[in-house]
PDB file of N, CA and C in Angstrom:
ATOM      1  N   MET A   1     104.703  39.118 129.580  1.00  0.00           N
ATOM      2  CA  MET A   1     105.638  40.124 130.052  1.00  0.00           C
ATOM      3  C   MET A   1     105.851  41.209 128.998  1.00  0.00           C
ATOM      4  N   LYS A   2     105.973  40.779 127.724  1.00  0.00           N
ATOM      5  CA  LYS A   2     106.164  41.754 126.655  1.00  0.00           C
ATOM      6  C   LYS A   2     104.952  42.675 126.528  1.00  0.00           C
ATOM      7  N   LYS A   3     103.749  42.098 126.688  1.00  0.00           N
ATOM      8  CA  LYS A   3     102.544  42.906 126.590  1.00  0.00           C
ATOM      9  C   LYS A   3     102.503  43.952 127.704  1.00  0.00           C
ATOM     10  N   LEU A   4     102.924  43.563 128.885  1.00  0.00           N
ATOM     11  CA  LEU A   4     102.937  44.490 130.020  1.00  0.00           C
ATOM     12  C   LEU A   4     103.911  45.628 129.767  1.00  0.00           C
ATOM     13  N   MET A   5     105.086  45.336 129.286  1.00  0.00           N
ATOM     14  CA  MET A   5     106.088  46.366 129.001  1.00  0.00           C
ATOM     15  C   MET A   5     105.606  47.287 127.874  1.00  0.00           C
ATOM     16  N   LEU A   6     104.985  46.699 126.871  1.00  0.00           N
ATOM     17  CA  LEU A   6     104.470  47.472 125.757  1.00  0.00           C
ATOM     18  C   LEU A   6     103.342  48.402 126.213  1.00  0.00           C
ATOM     19  N   THR A   7     102.487  47.888 127.074  1.00  0.00           N
ATOM     20  CA  THR A   7     101.392  48.691 127.614  1.00  0.00           C
ATOM     21  C   THR A   7     101.933  49.846 128.451  1.00  0.00           C
ATOM     22  N   ILE A   8     102.906  49.593 129.272  1.00  0.00           N
ATOM     23  CA  ILE A   8     103.513  50.641 130.108  1.00  0.00           C
ATOM     24  C   ILE A   8     104.170  51.696 129.226  1.00  0.00           C
ATOM     25  N   ALA A   9     104.858  51.285 128.190  1.00  0.00           N
ATOM     26  CA  ALA A   9     105.502  52.239 127.281  1.00  0.00           C
ATOM     27  C   ALA A   9     104.455  53.084 126.552  1.00  0.00           C
ATOM     28  N   ALA A  10     103.366  52.474 126.139  1.00  0.00           N
ATOM     29  CA  ALA A  10     102.302  53.208 125.438  1.00  0.00           C
ATOM     30  C   ALA A  10     101.647  54.225 126.366  1.00  0.00           C
ATOM     31  N   VAL A  11     101.375  53.830 127.601  1.00  0.00           N
ATOM     32  CA  VAL A  11     100.779  54.752 128.575  1.00  0.00           C
ATOM     33  C   VAL A  11     101.728  55.910 128.842  1.00  0.00           C
ATOM     34  N   PHE A  12     102.993  55.636 128.966  1.00  0.00           N
ATOM     35  CA  PHE A  12     103.985  56.686 129.195  1.00  0.00           C
ATOM     36  C   PHE A  12     103.999  57.688 128.042  1.00  0.00           C
ATOM     37  N   CYS A  13     103.997  57.174 126.815  1.00  0.00           N
ATOM     38  CA  CYS A  13     104.008  58.058 125.635  1.00  0.00           C
ATOM     39  C   CYS A  13     102.747  58.902 125.565  1.00  0.00           C
ATOM     40  N   LEU A  14     101.606  58.292 125.799  1.00  0.00           N
ATOM     41  CA  LEU A  14     100.348  59.030 125.757  1.00  0.00           C
ATOM     42  C   LEU A  14     100.278  60.099 126.842  1.00  0.00           C
ATOM     43  N   SER A  15     100.784  59.791 128.019  1.00  0.00           N
ATOM     44  CA  SER A  15     100.748  60.788 129.090  1.00  0.00           C
ATOM     45  C   SER A  15     101.694  61.950 128.784  1.00  0.00           C
ATOM     46  N   ALA A  16     102.824  61.659 128.151  1.00  0.00           N
ATOM     47  CA  ALA A  16     103.748  62.729 127.770  1.00  0.00           C
ATOM     48  C   ALA A  16     103.108  63.649 126.737  1.00  0.00           C
ATOM     49  N   VAL A  17     102.387  63.084 125.789  1.00  0.00           N
ATOM     50  CA  VAL A  17     101.694  63.880 124.770  1.00  0.00           C
ATOM     51  C   VAL A  17     100.588  64.706 125.423  1.00  0.00           C
ATOM     52  N   ALA A  18      99.852  64.109 126.354  1.00  0.00           N
ATOM     53  CA  ALA A  18      98.764  64.821 127.018  1.00  0.00           C
ATOM     54  C   ALA A  18      99.289  65.991 127.840  1.00  0.00           C
ATOM     55  N   VAL A  19     100.402  65.822 128.504  1.00  0.00           N
ATOM     56  CA  VAL A  19     100.988  66.902 129.293  1.00  0.00           C
ATOM     57  C   VAL A  19     101.447  68.026 128.374  1.00  0.00           C
ATOM     58  N   HIS A  20     102.040  67.665 127.256  1.00  0.00           N
ATOM     59  CA  HIS A  20     102.490  68.685 126.304  1.00  0.00           C
ATOM     60  C   HIS A  20     101.310  69.439 125.698  1.00  0.00           C
ATOM     61  N   ALA A  21     100.209  68.742 125.454  1.00  0.00           N
ATOM     62  CA  ALA A  21      99.023  69.374 124.862  1.00  0.00           C
ATOM     63  C   ALA A  21      98.381  70.362 125.825  1.00  0.00           C
ATOM     64  N   GLN A  22      98.587  70.191 127.120  1.00  0.00           N
ATOM     65  CA  GLN A  22      97.998  71.076 128.115  1.00  0.00           C
ATOM     66  C   GLN A  22      98.976  72.132 128.598  1.00  0.00           C
ATOM     67  N   ASP A  23      99.948  72.456 127.786  1.00  0.00           N
ATOM     68  CA  ASP A  23     100.953  73.442 128.130  1.00  0.00           C
ATOM     69  C   ASP A  23     100.278  74.777 128.440  1.00  0.00           C
ATOM     70  N   PRO A  24     100.454  75.295 129.653  1.00  0.00           N
ATOM     71  CA  PRO A  24      99.767  76.531 130.026  1.00  0.00           C
ATOM     72  C   PRO A  24     100.332  77.781 129.352  1.00  0.00           C
ATOM     73  N   GLN A  25     101.495  77.692 128.779  1.00  0.00           N
ATOM     74  CA  GLN A  25     102.094  78.851 128.129  1.00  0.00           C
ATOM     75  C   GLN A  25     101.510  79.002 126.737  1.00  0.00           C
ATOM     76  N   LYS A  26     100.638  79.975 126.577  1.00  0.00           N
ATOM     77  CA  LYS A  26     100.031  80.215 125.276  1.00  0.00           C
ATOM     78  C   LYS A  26     100.826  81.291 124.573  1.00  0.00           C
ATOM     79  N   LYS A  27     100.941  81.141 123.270  1.00  0.00           N
ATOM     80  CA  LYS A  27     101.667  82.125 122.496  1.00  0.00           C
ATOM     81  C   LYS A  27     100.824  83.374 122.355  1.00  0.00           C
ATOM     82  N   ASP A  28     101.468  84.491 122.359  1.00  0.00           N
ATOM     83  CA  ASP A  28     100.786  85.762 122.201  1.00  0.00           C
ATOM     84  C   ASP A  28     100.522  85.993 120.722  1.00  0.00           C
ATOM     85  N   THR A  29      99.259  85.824 120.308  1.00  0.00           N
ATOM     86  CA  THR A  29      98.935  85.949 118.891  1.00  0.00           C
ATOM     87  C   THR A  29      99.067  87.387 118.414  1.00  0.00           C
ATOM     88  N   THR A  30      98.867  88.342 119.296  1.00  0.00           N
ATOM     89  CA  THR A  30      99.038  89.742 118.903  1.00  0.00           C
ATOM     90  C   THR A  30     100.489  89.994 118.545  1.00  0.00           C
ATOM     91  N   GLN A  31     101.387  89.483 119.347  1.00  0.00           N
ATOM     92  CA  GLN A  31     102.821  89.626 119.080  1.00  0.00           C
ATOM     93  C   GLN A  31     103.182  88.980 117.754  1.00  0.00           C
ATOM     94  N   GLN A  32     102.658  87.772 117.513  1.00  0.00           N
ATOM     95  CA  GLN A  32     102.962  87.068 116.274  1.00  0.00           C
ATOM     96  C   GLN A  32     102.409  87.809 115.072  1.00  0.00           C
ATOM     97  N   SER A  33     101.188  88.331 115.186  1.00  0.00           N
ATOM     98  CA  SER A  33     100.587  88.995 114.039  1.00  0.00           C
ATOM     99  C   SER A  33     101.285  90.302 113.709  1.00  0.00           C
ATOM    100  N   GLN A  34     101.992  90.889 114.664  1.00  0.00           N
ATOM    101  CA  GLN A  34     102.691  92.136 114.403  1.00  0.00           C
ATOM    102  C   GLN A  34     104.130  91.912 113.952  1.00  0.00           C
ATOM    103  N   ASN A  35     104.626  90.681 114.023  1.00  0.00           N
ATOM    104  CA  ASN A  35     105.994  90.389 113.605  1.00  0.00           C
ATOM    105  C   ASN A  35     106.202  90.579 112.113  1.00  0.00           C
ATOM    106  N   PHE A  36     105.143  90.458 111.321  1.00  0.00           N
ATOM    107  CA  PHE A  36     105.306  90.599 109.882  1.00  0.00           C
ATOM    108  C   PHE A  36     105.782  91.999 109.519  1.00  0.00           C
ATOM    109  N   ARG A  37     105.517  92.959 110.353  1.00  0.00           N
ATOM    110  CA  ARG A  37     105.865  94.346 110.049  1.00  0.00           C
ATOM    111  C   ARG A  37     107.364  94.597 110.045  1.00  0.00           C
ATOM    112  N   GLU A  38     108.127  93.750 110.701  1.00  0.00           N
ATOM    113  CA  GLU A  38     109.570  93.967 110.811  1.00  0.00           C
ATOM    114  C   GLU A  38     110.256  93.995 109.451  1.00  0.00           C
ATOM    115  N   ASP A  39     109.826  93.151 108.532  1.00  0.00           N
ATOM    116  CA  ASP A  39     110.468  93.047 107.221  1.00  0.00           C
ATOM    117  C   ASP A  39     109.655  93.695 106.113  1.00  0.00           C
ATOM    118  N   MET A  40     108.652  94.475 106.483  1.00  0.00           N
ATOM    119  CA  MET A  40     107.779  95.055 105.467  1.00  0.00           C
ATOM    120  C   MET A  40     107.728  96.573 105.610  1.00  0.00           C
ATOM    121  N   THR A  41     107.353  97.201 104.515  1.00  0.00           N
ATOM    122  CA  THR A  41     107.222  98.652 104.520  1.00  0.00           C
ATOM    123  C   THR A  41     105.796  99.026 104.115  1.00  0.00           C
ATOM    124  N   VAL A  42     105.340 100.151 104.627  1.00  0.00           N
ATOM    125  CA  VAL A  42     104.005 100.642 104.317  1.00  0.00           C
ATOM    126  C   VAL A  42     104.023 101.271 102.929  1.00  0.00           C
ATOM    127  N   ILE A  43     102.990 100.968 102.149  1.00  0.00           N
ATOM    128  CA  ILE A  43     102.866 101.581 100.830  1.00  0.00           C
ATOM    129  C   ILE A  43     101.473 102.203 100.692  1.00  0.00           C
ATOM    130  N   GLN A  44     101.312 103.050  99.716  1.00  0.00           N
ATOM    131  CA  GLN A  44     100.022 103.666  99.418  1.00  0.00           C
ATOM    132  C   GLN A  44      99.197 102.704  98.557  1.00  0.00           C
ATOM    133  N   SER A  45      97.891 102.860  98.597  1.00  0.00           N
ATOM    134  CA  SER A  45      97.035 101.973  97.796  1.00  0.00           C
ATOM    135  C   SER A  45      97.296 102.133  96.299  1.00  0.00           C
ATOM    136  N   SER A  46      97.797 103.281  95.900  1.00  0.00           N
ATOM    137  CA  SER A  46      98.097 103.493  94.477  1.00  0.00           C
ATOM    138  C   SER A  46      99.316 102.684  94.019  1.00  0.00           C
ATOM    139  N   GLU A  47     100.096 102.157  94.970  1.00  0.00           N
ATOM    140  CA  GLU A  47     101.309 101.415  94.635  1.00  0.00           C
ATOM    141  C   GLU A  47     101.098  99.907  94.509  1.00  0.00           C
ATOM    142  N   ILE A  48      99.906  99.420  94.827  1.00  0.00           N
ATOM    143  CA  ILE A  48      99.695  97.971  94.762  1.00  0.00           C
ATOM    144  C   ILE A  48      99.464  97.539  93.323  1.00  0.00           C
ATOM    145  N   PRO A  49      99.860  96.311  92.981  1.00  0.00           N
ATOM    146  CA  PRO A  49      99.683  95.833  91.609  1.00  0.00           C
ATOM    147  C   PRO A  49      98.195  95.634  91.277  1.00  0.00           C
ATOM    148  N   GLU A  50      97.893  95.682  90.020  1.00  0.00           N
ATOM    149  CA  GLU A  50      96.508  95.563  89.552  1.00  0.00           C
ATOM    150  C   GLU A  50      95.895  94.216  89.941  1.00  0.00           C
ATOM    151  N   THR A  51      96.702  93.158  89.949  1.00  0.00           N
ATOM    152  CA  THR A  51      96.163  91.841  90.316  1.00  0.00           C
ATOM    153  C   THR A  51      95.668  91.823  91.755  1.00  0.00           C
ATOM    154  N   LEU A  52      96.401  92.471  92.643  1.00  0.00           N
ATOM    155  CA  LEU A  52      95.964  92.549  94.042  1.00  0.00           C
ATOM    156  C   LEU A  52      94.754  93.470  94.157  1.00  0.00           C
ATOM    157  N   ARG A  53      94.757  94.546  93.430  1.00  0.00           N
ATOM    158  CA  ARG A  53      93.628  95.471  93.450  1.00  0.00           C
ATOM    159  C   ARG A  53      92.334  94.748  93.038  1.00  0.00           C
ATOM    160  N   THR A  54      92.425  93.877  92.045  1.00  0.00           N
ATOM    161  CA  THR A  54      91.269  93.095  91.600  1.00  0.00           C
ATOM    162  C   THR A  54      90.795  92.167  92.710  1.00  0.00           C
ATOM    163  N   THR A  55      91.717  91.500  93.382  1.00  0.00           N
ATOM    164  CA  THR A  55      91.362  90.599  94.488  1.00  0.00           C
ATOM    165  C   THR A  55      90.681  91.360  95.607  1.00  0.00           C
ATOM    166  N   LEU A  56      91.149  92.552  95.901  1.00  0.00           N
ATOM    167  CA  LEU A  56      90.619  93.338  97.010  1.00  0.00           C
ATOM    168  C   LEU A  56      89.216  93.882  96.753  1.00  0.00           C
ATOM    169  N   GLN A  57      88.714  93.738  95.543  1.00  0.00           N
ATOM    170  CA  GLN A  57      87.359  94.185  95.239  1.00  0.00           C
ATOM    171  C   GLN A  57      86.312  93.248  95.840  1.00  0.00           C
ATOM    172  N   ASP A  58      86.724  92.066  96.312  1.00  0.00           N
ATOM    173  CA  ASP A  58      85.810  91.122  96.943  1.00  0.00           C
ATOM    174  C   ASP A  58      85.231  91.751  98.219  1.00  0.00           C
ATOM    175  N   ALA A  59      83.993  91.405  98.536  1.00  0.00           N
ATOM    176  CA  ALA A  59      83.290  91.990  99.683  1.00  0.00           C
ATOM    177  C   ALA A  59      83.989  91.739 101.015  1.00  0.00           C
ATOM    178  N   GLN A  60      84.700  90.636 101.150  1.00  0.00           N
ATOM    179  CA  GLN A  60      85.359  90.342 102.427  1.00  0.00           C
ATOM    180  C   GLN A  60      86.493  91.311 102.753  1.00  0.00           C
ATOM    181  N   TYR A  61      86.960  92.043 101.742  1.00  0.00           N
ATOM    182  CA  TYR A  61      88.040  93.004 101.948  1.00  0.00           C
ATOM    183  C   TYR A  61      87.522  94.444 101.979  1.00  0.00           C
ATOM    184  N   ALA A  62      86.236  94.607 102.239  1.00  0.00           N
ATOM    185  CA  ALA A  62      85.648  95.943 102.266  1.00  0.00           C
ATOM    186  C   ALA A  62      86.403  96.824 103.271  1.00  0.00           C
ATOM    187  N   GLY A  63      86.717  98.023 102.846  1.00  0.00           N
ATOM    188  CA  GLY A  63      87.439  98.955 103.694  1.00  0.00           C
ATOM    189  C   GLY A  63      88.938  98.945 103.491  1.00  0.00           C
ATOM    190  N   TRP A  64      89.424  98.150 102.545  1.00  0.00           N
ATOM    191  CA  TRP A  64      90.877  98.060 102.337  1.00  0.00           C
ATOM    192  C   TRP A  64      91.459  99.398 101.912  1.00  0.00           C
ATOM    193  N   GLU A  65      90.653 100.228 101.260  1.00  0.00           N
ATOM    194  CA  GLU A  65      91.154 101.511 100.779  1.00  0.00           C
ATOM    195  C   GLU A  65      91.640 102.396 101.919  1.00  0.00           C
ATOM    196  N   THR A  66      91.023 102.267 103.075  1.00  0.00           N
ATOM    197  CA  THR A  66      91.421 103.073 104.226  1.00  0.00           C
ATOM    198  C   THR A  66      92.320 102.298 105.184  1.00  0.00           C
ATOM    199  N   GLY A  67      92.615 101.043 104.844  1.00  0.00           N
ATOM    200  CA  GLY A  67      93.483 100.223 105.685  1.00  0.00           C
ATOM    201  C   GLY A  67      94.952 100.533 105.451  1.00  0.00           C
ATOM    202  N   THR A  68      95.795  99.783 106.125  1.00  0.00           N
ATOM    203  CA  THR A  68      97.238  99.926 105.970  1.00  0.00           C
ATOM    204  C   THR A  68      97.731  98.780 105.103  1.00  0.00           C
ATOM    205  N   ILE A  69      98.543  99.116 104.099  1.00  0.00           N
ATOM    206  CA  ILE A  69      99.044  98.111 103.165  1.00  0.00           C
ATOM    207  C   ILE A  69     100.556  98.031 103.311  1.00  0.00           C
ATOM    208  N   TYR A  70     101.046  96.812 103.485  1.00  0.00           N
ATOM    209  CA  TYR A  70     102.471  96.559 103.643  1.00  0.00           C
ATOM    210  C   TYR A  70     102.962  95.718 102.468  1.00  0.00           C
ATOM    211  N   THR A  71     104.202  95.879 102.114  1.00  0.00           N
ATOM    212  CA  THR A  71     104.818  95.015 101.119  1.00  0.00           C
ATOM    213  C   THR A  71     106.189  94.588 101.617  1.00  0.00           C
ATOM    214  N   SER A  72     106.609  93.419 101.164  1.00  0.00           N
ATOM    215  CA  SER A  72     107.952  92.957 101.514  1.00  0.00           C
ATOM    216  C   SER A  72     108.954  93.754 100.691  1.00  0.00           C
ATOM    217  N   LYS A  73     110.193  93.731 101.111  1.00  0.00           N
ATOM    218  CA  LYS A  73     111.227  94.484 100.393  1.00  0.00           C
ATOM    219  C   LYS A  73     111.393  93.980  98.969  1.00  0.00           C
ATOM    220  N   ALA A  74     111.163  92.685  98.766  1.00  0.00           N
ATOM    221  CA  ALA A  74     111.279  92.099  97.430  1.00  0.00           C
ATOM    222  C   ALA A  74     109.992  92.276  96.620  1.00  0.00           C
ATOM    223  N   LYS A  75     108.974  92.839  97.252  1.00  0.00           N
ATOM    224  CA  LYS A  75     107.647  93.031  96.638  1.00  0.00           C
ATOM    225  C   LYS A  75     107.052  91.710  96.150  1.00  0.00           C
ATOM    226  N   ASP A  76     107.324  90.631  96.898  1.00  0.00           N
ATOM    227  CA  ASP A  76     106.770  89.333  96.541  1.00  0.00           C
ATOM    228  C   ASP A  76     105.601  88.927  97.433  1.00  0.00           C
ATOM    229  N   SER A  77     105.265  89.769  98.406  1.00  0.00           N
ATOM    230  CA  SER A  77     104.093  89.512  99.231  1.00  0.00           C
ATOM    231  C   SER A  77     103.564  90.839  99.777  1.00  0.00           C
ATOM    232  N   TYR A  78     102.269  90.804 100.085  1.00  0.00           N
ATOM    233  CA  TYR A  78     101.593  91.999 100.576  1.00  0.00           C
ATOM    234  C   TYR A  78     100.743  91.634 101.775  1.00  0.00           C
ATOM    235  N   VAL A  79     100.561  92.586 102.668  1.00  0.00           N
ATOM    236  CA  VAL A  79      99.689  92.415 103.811  1.00  0.00           C
ATOM    237  C   VAL A  79      98.766  93.629 103.852  1.00  0.00           C
ATOM    238  N   VAL A  80      97.477  93.356 103.997  1.00  0.00           N
ATOM    239  CA  VAL A  80      96.497  94.428 104.105  1.00  0.00           C
ATOM    240  C   VAL A  80      95.862  94.313 105.482  1.00  0.00           C
ATOM    241  N   GLU A  81      95.934  95.389 106.241  1.00  0.00           N
ATOM    242  CA  GLU A  81      95.380  95.421 107.586  1.00  0.00           C
ATOM    243  C   GLU A  81      94.199  96.384 107.571  1.00  0.00           C
ATOM    244  N   ILE A  82      93.006  95.857 107.848  1.00  0.00           N
ATOM    245  CA  ILE A  82      91.785  96.643 107.813  1.00  0.00           C
ATOM    246  C   ILE A  82      91.263  96.776 109.233  1.00  0.00           C
ATOM    247  N   LYS A  83      91.077  98.008 109.688  1.00  0.00           N
ATOM    248  CA  LYS A  83      90.575  98.248 111.035  1.00  0.00           C
ATOM    249  C   LYS A  83      89.081  98.515 110.963  1.00  0.00           C
ATOM    250  N   ASP A  84      88.318  97.789 111.778  1.00  0.00           N
ATOM    251  CA  ASP A  84      86.877  97.974 111.856  1.00  0.00           C
ATOM    252  C   ASP A  84      86.606  99.111 112.837  1.00  0.00           C
ATOM    253  N   ALA A  85      86.006 100.170 112.358  1.00  0.00           N
ATOM    254  CA  ALA A  85      85.785 101.356 113.182  1.00  0.00           C
ATOM    255  C   ALA A  85      84.804 101.106 114.326  1.00  0.00           C
ATOM    256  N   THR A  86      83.846 100.208 114.132  1.00  0.00           N
ATOM    257  CA  THR A  86      82.846  99.976 115.174  1.00  0.00           C
ATOM    258  C   THR A  86      83.386  99.131 116.317  1.00  0.00           C
ATOM    259  N   THR A  87      84.207  98.130 116.012  1.00  0.00           N
ATOM    260  CA  THR A  87      84.726  97.250 117.063  1.00  0.00           C
ATOM    261  C   THR A  87      86.165  97.578 117.437  1.00  0.00           C
ATOM    262  N   ASN A  88      86.817  98.407 116.635  1.00  0.00           N
ATOM    263  CA  ASN A  88      88.219  98.786 116.849  1.00  0.00           C
ATOM    264  C   ASN A  88      89.156  97.576 116.792  1.00  0.00           C
ATOM    265  N   LYS A  89      88.760  96.559 116.034  1.00  0.00           N
ATOM    266  CA  LYS A  89      89.608  95.386 115.837  1.00  0.00           C
ATOM    267  C   LYS A  89      90.130  95.395 114.411  1.00  0.00           C
ATOM    268  N   SER A  90      91.297  94.802 114.241  1.00  0.00           N
ATOM    269  CA  SER A  90      91.911  94.751 112.915  1.00  0.00           C
ATOM    270  C   SER A  90      91.808  93.352 112.324  1.00  0.00           C
ATOM    271  N   LYS A  91      91.645  93.319 111.010  1.00  0.00           N
ATOM    272  CA  LYS A  91      91.709  92.071 110.259  1.00  0.00           C
ATOM    273  C   LYS A  91      92.941  92.175 109.372  1.00  0.00           C
ATOM    274  N   THR A  92      93.704  91.100 109.324  1.00  0.00           N
ATOM    275  CA  THR A  92      94.919  91.084 108.527  1.00  0.00           C
ATOM    276  C   THR A  92      94.805  90.024 107.445  1.00  0.00           C
ATOM    277  N   PHE A  93      95.098  90.425 106.218  1.00  0.00           N
ATOM    278  CA  PHE A  93      95.051  89.522 105.073  1.00  0.00           C
ATOM    279  C   PHE A  93      96.409  89.528 104.389  1.00  0.00           C
ATOM    280  N   ARG A  94      96.872  88.351 104.003  1.00  0.00           N
ATOM    281  CA  ARG A  94      98.166  88.226 103.326  1.00  0.00           C
ATOM    282  C   ARG A  94      97.950  87.765 101.891  1.00  0.00           C
ATOM    283  N   PHE A  95      98.774  88.302 100.982  1.00  0.00           N
ATOM    284  CA  PHE A  95      98.654  87.986  99.573  1.00  0.00           C
ATOM    285  C   PHE A  95     100.028  87.780  98.972  1.00  0.00           C
ATOM    286  N   ASP A  96     100.097  86.958  97.917  1.00  0.00           N
ATOM    287  CA  ASP A  96     101.365  86.790  97.220  1.00  0.00           C
ATOM    288  C   ASP A  96     101.495  87.900  96.163  1.00  0.00           C
ATOM    289  N   ALA A  97     102.553  87.854  95.388  1.00  0.00           N
ATOM    290  CA  ALA A  97     102.837  88.892  94.397  1.00  0.00           C
ATOM    291  C   ALA A  97     101.770  88.951  93.301  1.00  0.00           C
ATOM    292  N   ASN A  98     101.049  87.848  93.105  1.00  0.00           N
ATOM    293  CA  ASN A  98     100.003  87.786  92.082  1.00  0.00           C
ATOM    294  C   ASN A  98      98.632  88.167  92.615  1.00  0.00           C
ATOM    295  N   GLY A  99      98.565  88.579  93.874  1.00  0.00           N
ATOM    296  CA  GLY A  99      97.294  88.983  94.461  1.00  0.00           C
ATOM    297  C   GLY A  99      96.456  87.842  94.994  1.00  0.00           C
ATOM    298  N   LYS A 100      97.028  86.650  95.080  1.00  0.00           N
ATOM    299  CA  LYS A 100      96.286  85.504  95.598  1.00  0.00           C
ATOM    300  C   LYS A 100      96.439  85.440  97.118  1.00  0.00           C
ATOM    301  N   PRO A 101      95.335  85.186  97.834  1.00  0.00           N
ATOM    302  CA  PRO A 101      95.409  85.114  99.295  1.00  0.00           C
ATOM    303  C   PRO A 101      96.333  83.995  99.768  1.00  0.00           C
ATOM    304  N   ILE A 102      97.047  84.269 100.842  1.00  0.00           N
ATOM    305  CA  ILE A 102      97.928  83.277 101.493  1.00  0.00           C
ATOM    306  C   ILE A 102      97.265  82.909 102.810  1.00  0.00           C
ATOM    307  N   GLU A 103      97.065  81.634 103.019  1.00  0.00           N
ATOM    308  CA  GLU A 103      96.453  81.161 104.277  1.00  0.00           C
ATOM    309  C   GLU A 103      97.447  81.254 105.400  1.00  0.00           C
TER     310      GLU A 103
END
């Protein structure tokens, strides 16, 4: 009897998890990616710290000079948004105050 009750409880829990995993309401990633702008201000590339400038020399950040650079009010984080002219899509990179990428 205990095994039967335990099995029923396990099936119930697994089905609840499966239903939650198939939630049809997907979050709008565009909305989320633009939320960072609320607390940040646009700055010129000449205003970024040297440590971040060194990091941005990596090939994966090509085009950052013409991108949009944001900083937090406390200047403890930076966001670089690079728009690809051929695909018209943007790539967003986040960095801490020391110029290290934030995942």
